[in-house]
Protein backbone atom coordinates (compact mmCIF):
# COMPACT_ATOMS: atom_id res chain seq x y z
CA MET A 1 -1.07 -12.70 -6.26
CA ALA A 2 0.07 -13.99 -2.89
CA TYR A 3 -0.84 -12.18 0.29
CA LEU A 4 1.03 -11.22 3.43
CA LYS A 5 -1.03 -13.46 5.72
CA ARG A 6 -1.12 -17.17 5.01
CA SER A 7 -4.68 -17.70 6.21
CA SER A 8 -7.71 -16.51 4.27
CA PRO A 9 -9.59 -14.06 6.54
CA THR A 10 -13.02 -14.70 4.95
CA LEU A 11 -12.62 -18.47 5.00
CA LYS A 12 -11.46 -18.46 8.61
CA GLU A 13 -14.31 -16.22 9.72
CA THR A 14 -16.91 -18.39 7.95
CA LEU A 15 -15.56 -21.64 9.42
CA LEU A 16 -15.51 -20.18 12.92
CA LYS A 17 -19.08 -18.98 12.43
CA ILE A 18 -20.22 -22.48 11.47
CA TYR A 19 -18.23 -24.14 14.24
CA ARG A 20 -19.48 -21.81 16.99
CA ALA A 21 -23.12 -21.71 15.86
CA GLU A 22 -25.52 -22.91 18.54
CA LYS A 23 -28.07 -23.98 15.92
CA PRO A 24 -27.33 -25.60 12.54
CA ILE A 25 -27.00 -23.03 9.77
CA GLU A 26 -27.05 -23.45 6.01
CA ILE A 27 -24.33 -21.74 3.97
CA ASP A 28 -23.72 -21.80 0.23
CA GLN A 29 -21.13 -19.04 -0.30
CA HIS A 30 -18.90 -18.32 -3.29
CA PHE A 31 -16.29 -15.54 -3.01
CA TYR A 32 -13.01 -14.33 -4.50
CA GLU A 33 -9.83 -13.04 -2.92
CA PHE A 34 -7.17 -10.92 -4.64
CA GLY A 35 -8.85 -11.34 -8.01
CA SER A 36 -7.52 -14.79 -8.85
CA ILE A 37 -8.30 -16.99 -5.81
CA GLN A 38 -11.83 -18.31 -5.43
CA TYR A 39 -13.53 -20.31 -2.71
CA HIS A 40 -16.84 -22.10 -2.33
CA ILE A 41 -18.20 -23.13 1.09
CA LYS A 42 -21.27 -25.33 1.47
CA CYS A 43 -22.92 -26.45 4.69
CA SER A 44 -26.37 -28.02 5.02
CA VAL A 45 -28.78 -27.92 7.93
CA LEU A 46 -29.47 -31.62 7.56
CA ASP A 47 -25.84 -32.47 8.31
CA SER A 48 -24.28 -29.49 10.04
CA ASN A 49 -21.09 -31.35 10.98
CA ILE A 50 -20.03 -31.73 7.33
CA VAL A 51 -18.60 -28.72 5.47
CA TYR A 52 -17.37 -28.75 1.88
CA ILE A 53 -14.64 -26.31 0.85
CA SER A 54 -13.62 -25.91 -2.79
CA THR A 55 -10.76 -23.70 -3.92
CA SER A 56 -8.84 -22.83 -7.06
CA THR A 57 -6.31 -20.30 -8.22
CA LEU A 58 -4.64 -19.17 -11.41
CA LEU A 59 -1.55 -21.34 -11.80
CA GLU A 60 0.18 -20.68 -15.10
CA THR A 61 3.74 -21.81 -15.61
CA GLN A 62 5.94 -22.84 -18.43
CA GLY A 63 8.81 -25.21 -18.05
CA THR A 64 9.19 -28.20 -15.78
CA VAL A 65 6.05 -27.86 -13.64
CA MET A 66 2.50 -28.71 -14.67
CA SER A 67 0.23 -25.67 -14.71
CA ASN A 68 -3.26 -26.99 -13.85
CA GLU A 69 -2.47 -29.88 -11.50
CA ILE A 70 -1.82 -29.79 -7.79
CA LEU A 71 1.20 -31.80 -6.80
CA SER A 72 0.48 -35.17 -5.24
CA ASP A 73 2.63 -34.59 -2.15
CA ILE A 74 0.45 -31.59 -1.24
CA TYR A 75 -2.45 -33.95 -0.64
CA GLU A 76 -0.51 -35.65 2.13
CA VAL A 77 0.42 -32.31 3.69
CA ILE A 78 -3.24 -31.24 3.69
CA LYS A 79 -4.41 -34.52 5.23
CA ASN A 80 -1.83 -34.27 8.01
CA ILE A 81 -3.14 -30.86 9.09
CA ALA A 82 -5.79 -32.62 11.17
CA VAL A 83 -6.06 -36.39 10.92
CA GLY A 84 -9.68 -37.49 10.83
CA VAL A 85 -10.96 -33.99 10.13
CA ILE A 86 -10.03 -33.45 6.46
CA ASP A 87 -10.92 -35.70 3.53
CA ILE A 88 -10.06 -34.91 -0.08
CA VAL A 89 -12.97 -35.29 -2.48
CA ASP A 90 -12.09 -36.85 -5.82
CA PRO A 91 -13.08 -35.57 -8.32
CA PRO A 92 -13.29 -31.97 -7.05
CA ARG A 93 -16.24 -29.68 -7.57
CA LEU A 94 -16.71 -28.55 -11.15
CA GLY A 95 -14.60 -25.48 -11.88
CA PHE A 96 -12.30 -25.93 -8.88
CA GLN A 97 -8.94 -27.59 -8.37
CA LEU A 98 -9.43 -28.95 -4.87
CA THR A 99 -12.43 -29.90 -2.74
CA LEU A 100 -12.16 -30.76 0.96
CA LYS A 101 -14.68 -32.46 3.21
CA LEU A 102 -14.43 -31.30 6.84
CA HIS A 103 -15.78 -33.26 9.81
CA LEU A 104 -16.39 -30.56 12.39
CA ASP A 105 -17.45 -33.04 15.06
CA ASN A 106 -13.91 -34.48 15.07
CA ILE A 107 -12.30 -31.10 15.85
CA PRO A 108 -11.27 -30.91 19.52
CA ARG A 109 -12.73 -28.15 21.64
CA GLY A 110 -10.87 -25.19 23.05
CA LYS A 111 -7.88 -23.37 21.63
CA GLU A 112 -6.90 -26.38 19.55
CA ALA A 113 -10.00 -25.88 17.39
CA ILE A 114 -8.92 -22.33 16.45
CA LYS A 115 -5.46 -23.59 15.49
CA ILE A 116 -6.90 -26.32 13.25
CA ILE A 117 -9.35 -23.94 11.56
CA THR A 118 -6.54 -21.44 10.99
CA LYS A 119 -4.41 -24.14 9.34
CA ILE A 120 -7.34 -25.18 7.16
CA SER A 121 -7.74 -21.58 5.99
CA GLU A 122 -4.05 -21.67 4.91
CA ILE A 123 -4.67 -24.36 2.27
CA GLN A 124 -4.44 -21.91 -0.62
CA ALA A 125 -1.08 -20.69 0.67
CA LEU A 126 0.18 -24.27 0.65
CA ILE A 127 -0.93 -24.70 -2.94
CA LEU A 128 0.70 -21.47 -4.05
CA SER A 129 4.01 -22.12 -2.32
CA SER A 130 4.20 -25.79 -3.33
CA GLN A 131 4.67 -24.91 -6.97
CA LEU A 132 7.69 -22.72 -6.38
CA LYS A 133 9.09 -25.15 -3.84
CA GLU A 134 8.98 -27.95 -6.36
CA MET A 135 10.79 -25.81 -8.92
CA LEU A 136 13.57 -24.90 -6.51
CA LYS A 137 13.96 -28.54 -5.58
CA ARG A 138 14.11 -29.72 -9.17
CA LEU A 139 16.70 -27.11 -10.10
CA ASN A 140 19.60 -28.97 -8.54
CA PHE A 141 22.30 -26.67 -7.17
CA GLN A 142 24.82 -29.43 -6.79
CA ASP A 143 25.17 -30.72 -10.34
CA ASN A 144 26.08 -27.48 -12.09
CA SER A 145 28.03 -29.11 -14.89
CA GLN A 146 25.02 -31.16 -15.95
CA ALA A 147 22.82 -28.08 -15.81
CA MET A 148 25.19 -26.08 -17.94
CA ASN A 149 25.29 -28.83 -20.54
CA ASN A 150 21.51 -28.98 -20.67
CA ASN A 151 20.36 -25.63 -22.02
CA ASN A 152 16.72 -26.42 -21.28
CA ASN A 153 17.40 -26.06 -17.56
CA ASN A 154 18.55 -22.50 -18.12
CA TRP A 155 15.34 -21.38 -19.78
CA PRO A 156 13.29 -18.94 -17.70
CA ILE A 157 10.15 -20.26 -16.08
CA ARG A 158 7.21 -17.87 -16.13
CA ILE A 159 5.10 -17.99 -12.97
CA VAL A 160 1.70 -16.28 -12.85
CA TYR A 161 -0.35 -16.05 -9.66
CA HIS A 162 -2.11 -12.91 -10.86
CA PRO A 163 -2.74 -11.98 -14.52
CA SER A 164 -0.96 -8.64 -14.23
CA GLU A 165 1.91 -9.77 -11.99
CA PRO A 166 4.04 -12.51 -13.55
CA PHE A 167 7.64 -13.13 -12.55
CA TYR A 168 10.43 -15.31 -13.91
CA VAL A 169 12.79 -17.84 -12.40
CA PHE A 170 15.86 -19.11 -14.27
CA ARG A 171 19.07 -20.85 -13.39
CA GLN A 172 22.58 -19.45 -13.42
CA PRO A 173 25.88 -20.99 -12.28
CA GLU A 174 25.62 -21.74 -8.54
CA LYS A 175 22.41 -19.76 -8.09
CA ILE A 176 18.82 -19.24 -9.18
CA THR A 177 17.61 -15.78 -10.14
CA ALA A 178 14.06 -14.52 -9.67
CA VAL A 179 13.15 -11.46 -11.77
CA PHE A 180 10.13 -9.26 -11.04
CA PRO A 181 8.93 -6.80 -13.72
CA MET A 182 7.51 -3.79 -11.90
CA ASN A 183 4.58 -1.80 -13.29
CA PHE A 184 2.55 0.93 -11.60
CA LYS A 185 -0.41 2.99 -12.76
CA ASP A 186 0.32 6.27 -10.95
CA ASP A 187 3.46 8.31 -11.50
CA SER A 188 3.69 8.98 -7.77
CA ASP A 189 3.83 5.23 -7.14
CA VAL A 190 6.70 4.94 -9.60
CA VAL A 191 8.70 7.60 -7.74
CA ILE A 192 8.15 5.95 -4.36
CA ALA A 193 8.93 2.49 -5.75
CA MET A 194 12.17 3.64 -7.40
CA SER A 195 13.33 5.16 -4.13
CA PHE A 196 12.41 1.95 -2.29
CA PHE A 197 14.32 -0.23 -4.77
CA GLN A 198 17.38 1.97 -4.48
CA GLU A 199 17.33 1.68 -0.69
CA LEU A 200 16.77 -2.07 -0.96
CA VAL A 201 19.86 -2.49 -3.14
CA GLU A 202 21.97 -0.28 -0.86
CA VAL A 203 20.89 -2.13 2.27
CA GLY A 204 21.51 -5.49 0.61
CA SER A 205 25.14 -4.58 0.02
CA GLN A 206 25.85 -4.13 3.73
CA LYS A 207 27.82 -6.75 5.62
CA GLU A 208 25.19 -7.15 8.33
CA ILE A 209 22.77 -8.82 5.92
CA GLU A 210 25.17 -10.34 3.42
CA LYS A 211 23.60 -13.76 4.03
CA ALA A 212 20.28 -12.59 2.54
CA PRO A 213 19.59 -13.07 -1.20
CA GLN A 214 21.44 -10.48 -3.24
CA CYS A 215 19.11 -7.84 -4.67
CA SER A 216 19.70 -5.82 -7.83
CA TRP A 217 17.71 -3.40 -9.96
CA SER A 218 17.97 -2.61 -13.66
CA PRO A 219 15.89 -0.47 -16.02
CA VAL A 220 16.25 -3.13 -18.75
CA PRO A 221 15.39 -6.83 -18.49
CA PRO A 222 18.16 -9.46 -18.18
CA PHE A 223 19.28 -11.01 -21.45
CA GLN A 224 17.91 -14.37 -20.24
CA LEU A 225 14.39 -13.01 -20.75
CA ARG A 226 14.81 -12.44 -24.47
CA GLY A 227 11.92 -13.92 -26.39
CA GLU A 228 9.41 -13.51 -23.55
CA PRO A 229 6.07 -11.69 -24.12
CA VAL A 230 6.51 -7.99 -24.79
CA GLN A 231 3.72 -7.01 -22.39
CA ASP A 232 5.66 -8.62 -19.52
CA LEU A 233 8.88 -6.81 -20.38
CA THR A 234 7.26 -3.38 -20.81
CA THR A 235 7.64 -1.69 -17.45
CA ASN A 236 7.84 1.81 -16.00
CA ALA A 237 9.79 0.91 -12.83
CA GLY A 238 12.43 -1.49 -14.12
CA PHE A 239 13.23 -5.03 -13.03
CA VAL A 240 14.10 -6.27 -9.54
CA SER A 241 16.17 -9.46 -9.25
CA PHE A 242 17.03 -11.73 -6.33
CA ASP A 243 19.86 -14.27 -6.43
CA ILE A 244 19.01 -17.43 -4.49
CA THR A 245 21.82 -19.77 -3.53
CA SER A 246 21.75 -23.28 -2.09
CA ARG A 247 21.90 -22.01 1.49
CA HIS A 248 18.59 -20.19 1.04
CA VAL A 249 16.68 -23.42 0.26
CA GLU A 250 18.09 -25.67 2.96
CA GLY A 251 15.72 -27.06 5.57
CA LYS A 252 13.22 -24.58 7.00
CA ARG A 253 14.73 -21.72 4.98
CA LEU A 254 12.98 -23.04 1.88
CA ASP A 255 9.52 -22.13 3.21
CA LYS A 256 10.63 -18.64 4.20
CA THR A 257 12.39 -18.00 0.88
CA VAL A 258 9.41 -19.18 -1.16
CA TRP A 259 6.92 -17.15 0.89
CA ASN A 260 9.01 -13.99 0.60
CA LEU A 261 9.25 -14.38 -3.18
CA LEU A 262 5.52 -14.94 -3.50
CA ASN A 263 4.74 -11.86 -1.41
CA PHE A 264 7.24 -9.47 -2.99
CA TYR A 265 4.60 -7.77 -5.15
CA ALA A 266 2.25 -7.49 -2.19
CA TYR A 267 5.03 -6.15 0.04
CA VAL A 268 5.99 -3.46 -2.49
CA LYS A 269 2.38 -2.34 -2.82
CA TYR A 270 2.00 -2.31 0.95
CA HIS A 271 5.15 -0.18 1.29
CA ILE A 272 3.94 2.26 -1.38
CA LYS A 273 0.54 2.68 0.28
CA CYS A 274 2.13 3.24 3.68
CA SER A 275 4.61 5.74 2.23
CA ARG A 276 1.86 7.61 0.40
CA GLY A 277 -0.26 7.75 3.54
CA TYR A 278 2.71 9.01 5.56
CA ILE A 279 3.48 11.72 3.00
CA GLN A 280 -0.15 12.82 2.87
CA ARG A 281 -0.35 13.01 6.67
CA ARG A 282 2.80 15.14 6.77
CA MET A 283 1.43 17.41 4.04
CA ARG A 284 -1.89 17.85 5.85
CA LYS A 285 -0.10 18.52 9.12
CA ARG A 286 2.15 21.08 7.47
CA MET A 287 -0.80 22.73 5.74
CA ASP A 288 -2.71 22.95 9.02
CA SER A 289 0.27 24.60 10.71
CA LEU A 290 0.61 27.15 7.88
CA VAL A 291 -3.11 27.94 7.96
CA LYS A 292 -2.92 28.36 11.72
CA GLN A 293 -0.01 30.78 11.40
CA LEU A 294 -1.86 32.80 8.75
CA ASN A 295 -4.97 32.98 10.91
CA ASN A 296 -2.95 34.13 13.92
CA THR A 297 -1.24 36.83 11.86
CA ARG A 298 -4.57 38.07 10.51
CA LEU A 299 -6.08 38.24 13.98
CA GLU A 300 -3.12 40.21 15.26
CA GLU A 301 -3.50 42.74 12.44
CA GLU A 302 -7.26 43.09 12.95
CA ALA A 303 -7.20 43.22 16.76
CA PRO A 304 -7.88 46.76 18.26
CA GLN A 305 -4.83 48.31 19.92
CA LYS A 306 -5.14 51.03 22.61
CA GLU A 307 -2.95 54.09 22.50
CA ASN A 308 -3.06 56.54 25.45
CA GLY A 309 -6.22 54.92 26.74
CA ARG A 310 -8.07 55.38 23.44
CA CYS A 311 -8.93 52.76 20.93
CA LYS A 312 -6.94 52.76 17.75
CA TYR A 313 -10.12 52.37 15.72
CA VAL A 314 -11.42 55.74 17.03
CA LYS A 315 -8.21 57.43 16.00
CA GLU A 316 -8.43 55.90 12.54
CA LEU A 317 -12.04 57.04 12.18
CA VAL A 318 -11.17 60.64 13.15
CA LYS A 319 -8.11 60.73 10.97
CA VAL A 320 -8.60 62.82 7.79
CA PRO A 321 -6.32 62.94 4.75
CA LYS A 322 -3.84 65.84 4.48
CA GLY A 323 -5.50 67.40 1.40
CA LYS A 324 -8.79 67.76 3.19
CA LEU A 325 -7.08 69.18 6.26
CA MET A 326 -5.41 71.90 4.22
CA MET A 327 -8.70 72.77 2.53
CA GLN A 328 -10.46 72.96 5.86
CA GLN A 329 -7.72 75.22 7.27
CA ARG A 330 -8.01 77.61 4.35
CA CYS A 331 -11.78 77.74 4.69
CA LYS A 332 -11.40 78.56 8.38
CA ASP A 333 -8.94 81.41 7.63
CA MET A 334 -11.20 82.89 4.98
CA THR A 335 -14.22 82.71 7.28
CA ARG A 336 -12.29 84.38 10.08
CA ARG A 337 -11.21 87.23 7.78
CA VAL A 338 -14.76 87.79 6.59
CA ARG A 339 -16.01 87.98 10.15
CA ILE A 340 -13.29 90.45 11.11
CA SER A 341 -14.16 92.71 8.16
CA LYS A 342 -17.78 93.00 9.40
CA PHE A 343 -16.80 94.27 12.86
CA ARG A 344 -15.89 97.91 13.74
CA ILE A 345 -12.23 98.45 14.41
CA LYS A 346 -11.06 100.98 17.01
CA ILE A 347 -7.83 102.89 16.24
CA ASN A 348 -5.89 104.55 18.99
CA GLY A 349 -5.68 108.29 18.45
CA CYS A 350 -8.51 108.29 16.04
CA ALA A 351 -11.33 107.69 18.42
CA ARG A 352 -13.23 110.55 16.98
CA PHE A 353 -13.16 109.06 13.57
CA ARG A 354 -15.15 105.97 13.11
CA PHE A 355 -15.54 104.20 9.93
CA ASN A 356 -16.60 100.89 8.79
CA GLN A 357 -14.00 98.70 7.25
CA ARG A 358 -15.27 96.28 4.86
């Protein structure tokens, strides 16, 4: 799988560490990047100015390009990065495709050293892009009649930079089509990706960017991919295609076109992660606002309110249900009657008669 940045961050950091070290250091480091790209860096204390870098990647293709060999013209490009600094070791280290011998004492000081080390850390990007460049060059756009007569040129070429992310390139009249089968593990990623592909197709149809490669999406693979492995054609997000014409591979546009094709998988994953993070932030922000509103409402309901200078809680504590009030009133009436019956009652006109009324 290609990556968005051309330079390897780990390789660049290690080379800068060796270059800036005040004392000679010994390094024998073996690491992987993106699952399929591996590096080996070796530096000895006895000769600290010599650094060996070995690299290899998974290059599987079928068609016109060799799968396990690095093209010869890439050697010249690598040597011209810094003349007198880089030597190619032949044969390479066992298990690797390319081994470089760096002379750190020949690297100029200052900002130029950082530029050279950055270009050296981009070697794997040169190897990855060289394969697709060579294919686009060999597929001649000019001689279409010869290509149509030769059916072998129309066969799809399967390119694998990562075991789970192959894509196909095949020729059509006056254009080359690159097809990307899209697979995702999570259902949420599928929803986000489908929305992104739809927007990509709609934007590609606008006049402002009509010069860009035409993009299309289909839930079924193109008929040119018939006979390819079933595991490659079994997808849950369809197939994205880009039509590349001769204008897209002219001059400096070739490097940009190749790099964009190599990074399409990485760009889609990057977009999905950013979209998921944005959605999650919005959901958390919305949830926090709802919880805040609920807490404010609860505090307003529980807060004591004063009525006529008295606290509402006191009124609620004194308040008695109506049934109990009626019972208390009846008890009071009965008690009052009993008390009255015990007292002597004076009757006007009958003062001489006194009796007890019970």
